Protein backbone atom coordinates (compact mmCIF):
# COMPACT_ATOMS: atom_id res chain seq x y z
CA MET A 1 -61.32 55.66 -29.67
CA LYS A 2 -63.41 53.82 -32.26
CA LYS A 3 -62.45 50.23 -31.44
CA LEU A 4 -60.40 48.55 -28.74
CA ALA A 5 -57.04 47.25 -29.82
CA GLU A 6 -56.85 43.47 -29.43
CA ASN A 7 -54.06 43.81 -26.91
CA THR A 8 -55.78 46.44 -24.74
CA ALA A 9 -55.11 45.37 -21.16
CA LEU A 10 -57.67 45.48 -18.37
CA LEU A 11 -56.18 46.63 -15.06
CA ILE A 12 -58.33 45.77 -12.06
CA ILE A 13 -57.00 47.94 -9.27
CA ASP A 14 -57.43 46.98 -5.60
CA ALA A 15 -60.82 45.28 -5.91
CA GLN A 16 -60.35 44.00 -2.38
CA VAL A 17 -62.71 43.01 0.42
CA GLY A 18 -61.13 45.43 2.89
CA LEU A 19 -62.33 48.43 0.91
CA ASP A 20 -65.83 47.60 2.14
CA ASP A 21 -64.71 48.33 5.72
CA PRO A 22 -67.26 50.71 7.29
CA ARG A 23 -64.41 52.73 8.85
CA LEU A 24 -63.70 54.07 5.35
CA GLY A 25 -67.07 55.82 5.23
CA ALA A 26 -69.80 55.79 2.62
CA ARG A 27 -68.92 54.68 -0.90
CA ASN A 28 -70.57 55.71 -4.15
CA ASN A 29 -71.40 53.50 -7.11
CA PRO A 30 -73.02 50.37 -5.65
CA CYS A 31 -72.75 48.74 -9.11
CA VAL A 32 -68.94 48.95 -9.29
CA GLU A 33 -68.37 45.22 -8.70
CA ARG A 34 -70.98 44.24 -11.28
CA ASN A 35 -69.47 46.57 -13.89
CA MET A 36 -65.94 45.37 -13.17
CA ALA A 37 -67.17 41.79 -13.55
CA ARG A 38 -68.89 42.57 -16.87
CA LEU A 39 -65.68 44.01 -18.28
CA LEU A 40 -63.61 41.14 -16.92
CA ALA A 41 -65.96 38.60 -18.54
CA GLN A 42 -65.59 40.36 -21.89
CA TRP A 43 -61.79 40.46 -21.60
CA ARG A 44 -61.74 36.75 -20.77
CA ALA A 45 -64.09 35.91 -23.65
CA ARG A 46 -61.81 37.80 -26.07
CA SER A 47 -58.58 36.42 -24.54
CA ARG A 48 -57.32 39.94 -23.94
CA PRO A 49 -54.64 40.69 -21.33
CA ILE A 50 -55.82 41.08 -17.74
CA PHE A 51 -53.80 42.29 -14.76
CA HIS A 52 -55.14 42.12 -11.21
CA ILE A 53 -53.51 44.66 -8.92
CA GLN A 54 -53.54 43.91 -5.19
CA HIS A 55 -52.61 46.44 -2.53
CA MET A 56 -50.42 44.94 0.21
CA SER A 57 -50.68 47.72 2.77
CA THR A 58 -47.95 48.38 5.29
CA GLU A 59 -50.13 50.84 7.23
CA PRO A 60 -50.89 49.53 10.74
CA ASN A 61 -54.64 50.23 10.63
CA SER A 62 -55.30 49.34 6.99
CA PRO A 63 -57.87 46.64 6.18
CA LEU A 64 -55.61 45.75 3.20
CA ARG A 65 -52.71 44.40 5.25
CA PRO A 66 -51.55 41.05 3.81
CA GLU A 67 -52.36 39.08 6.97
CA LEU A 68 -55.98 40.30 7.10
CA LEU A 69 -59.05 38.86 5.36
CA GLY A 70 -59.66 42.28 3.82
CA ASN A 71 -56.59 41.81 1.63
CA ALA A 72 -58.44 39.22 -0.49
CA ILE A 73 -59.55 40.13 -3.99
CA LYS A 74 -63.34 40.32 -4.25
CA SER A 75 -64.92 37.11 -5.54
CA GLU A 76 -66.71 38.92 -8.39
CA VAL A 77 -63.37 39.73 -10.04
CA ALA A 78 -61.01 37.15 -8.55
CA PRO A 79 -58.25 35.95 -10.86
CA ILE A 80 -58.56 32.57 -12.54
CA GLY A 81 -56.02 30.40 -14.29
CA ASP A 82 -52.80 32.19 -15.06
CA GLU A 83 -54.15 35.74 -14.80
CA PRO A 84 -51.35 37.70 -13.16
CA VAL A 85 -51.72 39.34 -9.77
CA ILE A 86 -49.32 42.22 -9.28
CA GLN A 87 -48.83 43.19 -5.67
CA LYS A 88 -48.01 46.77 -4.74
CA ARG A 89 -47.36 48.69 -1.54
CA VAL A 90 -48.08 52.24 -2.73
CA ASN A 91 -50.84 53.93 -4.72
CA SER A 92 -49.55 53.56 -8.27
CA ALA A 93 -49.49 50.06 -9.75
CA PHE A 94 -46.29 51.06 -11.57
CA ILE A 95 -44.16 51.86 -8.50
CA GLY A 96 -42.18 48.97 -7.06
CA THR A 97 -43.70 46.44 -9.49
CA ASP A 98 -42.87 45.02 -12.90
CA LEU A 99 -46.17 46.17 -14.46
CA ARG A 100 -44.51 48.54 -16.94
CA GLU A 101 -42.08 45.84 -18.07
CA ARG A 102 -44.87 43.28 -18.48
CA LEU A 103 -46.95 45.68 -20.54
CA ARG A 104 -44.01 46.65 -22.75
CA ALA A 105 -42.99 42.98 -23.22
CA ALA A 106 -46.54 42.20 -24.40
CA ASP A 107 -46.54 45.25 -26.73
CA ILE A 108 -49.51 46.74 -24.84
CA THR A 109 -50.08 50.45 -25.38
CA SER A 110 -53.73 50.82 -24.29
CA LEU A 111 -55.15 50.26 -20.82
CA VAL A 112 -58.69 50.11 -19.46
CA ILE A 113 -58.54 50.85 -15.74
CA VAL A 114 -61.20 49.86 -13.21
CA GLY A 115 -61.23 49.36 -9.46
CA LEU A 116 -60.91 51.11 -6.14
CA THR A 117 -60.58 53.88 -5.26
CA THR A 118 -61.04 56.50 -7.94
CA ASP A 119 -59.22 59.26 -6.07
CA HIS A 120 -56.30 57.16 -4.87
CA CYS A 121 -54.89 54.09 -6.61
CA VAL A 122 -57.00 54.34 -9.77
CA SER A 123 -56.03 57.98 -10.26
CA SER A 124 -52.34 57.56 -9.48
CA THR A 125 -52.09 54.54 -11.79
CA ALA A 126 -53.91 56.35 -14.63
CA ARG A 127 -51.72 59.44 -14.24
CA MET A 128 -48.54 57.43 -14.30
CA ALA A 129 -49.77 55.31 -17.23
CA ALA A 130 -50.24 58.49 -19.25
CA ASP A 131 -46.85 59.81 -18.20
CA LEU A 132 -45.28 56.52 -19.33
CA GLY A 133 -46.92 56.80 -22.76
CA PHE A 134 -49.84 54.39 -22.38
CA ARG A 135 -53.30 55.35 -23.66
CA ALA A 136 -55.49 55.06 -20.57
CA THR A 137 -59.24 54.79 -20.24
CA VAL A 138 -60.82 54.95 -16.79
CA VAL A 139 -64.28 53.42 -16.51
CA ALA A 140 -66.45 55.80 -14.48
CA ASP A 141 -69.03 53.24 -13.34
CA ALA A 142 -66.44 50.52 -12.70
CA THR A 143 -64.59 52.71 -10.19
CA ALA A 144 -65.72 54.15 -6.88
CA ALA A 145 -64.61 56.39 -4.04
CA HIS A 146 -65.35 56.88 -0.35
CA GLU A 147 -66.47 60.07 1.31
CA ARG A 148 -63.53 62.21 2.43
CA ARG A 149 -62.86 64.73 5.12
CA SER A 150 -60.79 67.62 3.79
CA TYR A 151 -58.01 69.62 5.41
CA ASP A 152 -60.54 72.00 6.97
CA GLY A 153 -62.75 69.26 8.40
CA ALA A 154 -65.47 69.51 5.75
CA LEU A 155 -66.99 66.19 4.75
CA HIS A 156 -67.23 65.59 1.00
CA ALA A 157 -69.71 63.04 -0.31
CA ALA A 158 -68.32 59.95 -2.03
CA GLU A 159 -69.99 60.87 -5.32
CA THR A 160 -68.36 64.31 -5.26
CA VAL A 161 -64.94 62.81 -4.52
CA HIS A 162 -65.43 60.31 -7.37
CA GLU A 163 -66.63 62.90 -9.90
CA LEU A 164 -63.83 65.33 -9.10
CA ALA A 165 -61.21 62.59 -9.39
CA LEU A 166 -62.59 61.69 -12.84
CA ALA A 167 -62.75 65.36 -13.83
CA ASN A 168 -59.09 65.76 -12.92
CA LEU A 169 -58.13 62.80 -15.13
CA HIS A 170 -60.41 63.67 -18.07
CA GLN A 171 -58.63 64.71 -21.27
CA GLU A 172 -55.32 65.17 -19.46
CA PHE A 173 -54.44 61.66 -18.32
CA ALA A 174 -57.25 59.39 -19.50
CA ALA A 175 -60.43 59.06 -21.46
CA ILE A 176 -63.40 58.63 -19.14
CA LEU A 177 -66.05 56.18 -20.37
CA THR A 178 -68.79 54.01 -18.90
CA ALA A 179 -68.70 50.22 -18.92
CA ASP A 180 -71.35 50.17 -21.66
CA GLN A 181 -69.28 52.53 -23.79
CA VAL A 182 -66.17 50.39 -23.40
CA LEU A 183 -68.09 47.19 -24.17
CA SER A 184 -69.56 48.82 -27.28
CA LEU A 185 -66.03 49.44 -28.62
CA ASP A 186 -65.48 45.71 -28.87
């Protein structure tokens, strides 16, 4: 990718207060909010399409349940004006929403994906975007993951979870770039 197409959309996935809940464990990438905000500022300055994705959890113990304060979008990347907020109830931003239709109606074929968490909603959205024919870029330092306990009880560090999620997307479902690299394509 040499230059961003003018209609490249920025998808900000689940940048919600509840994903700071200590019950979720340690998180990598303490600069994720700053990098998401940098990209959002550039998209706004260039009047490029922006889509905020908000998880409306139906899980009883989730900090992202609609009636909880944790459901709120983080102030650093909160929508302004008429920026659309697409609410979802599952991992992929394409399932049960009109995201695909909105993108197609706006003739958008390229997506830059940021948000939380790399191994869940970011990954499932990027995978589905590729399967639907969109050119996806996931921004490594504008995404983050939490530590995870595996099937055998082993605890995996947040950075390992994040890096493996990106490795699984790389060259198959998405280009993996840093925020600086994406900004330099402008």
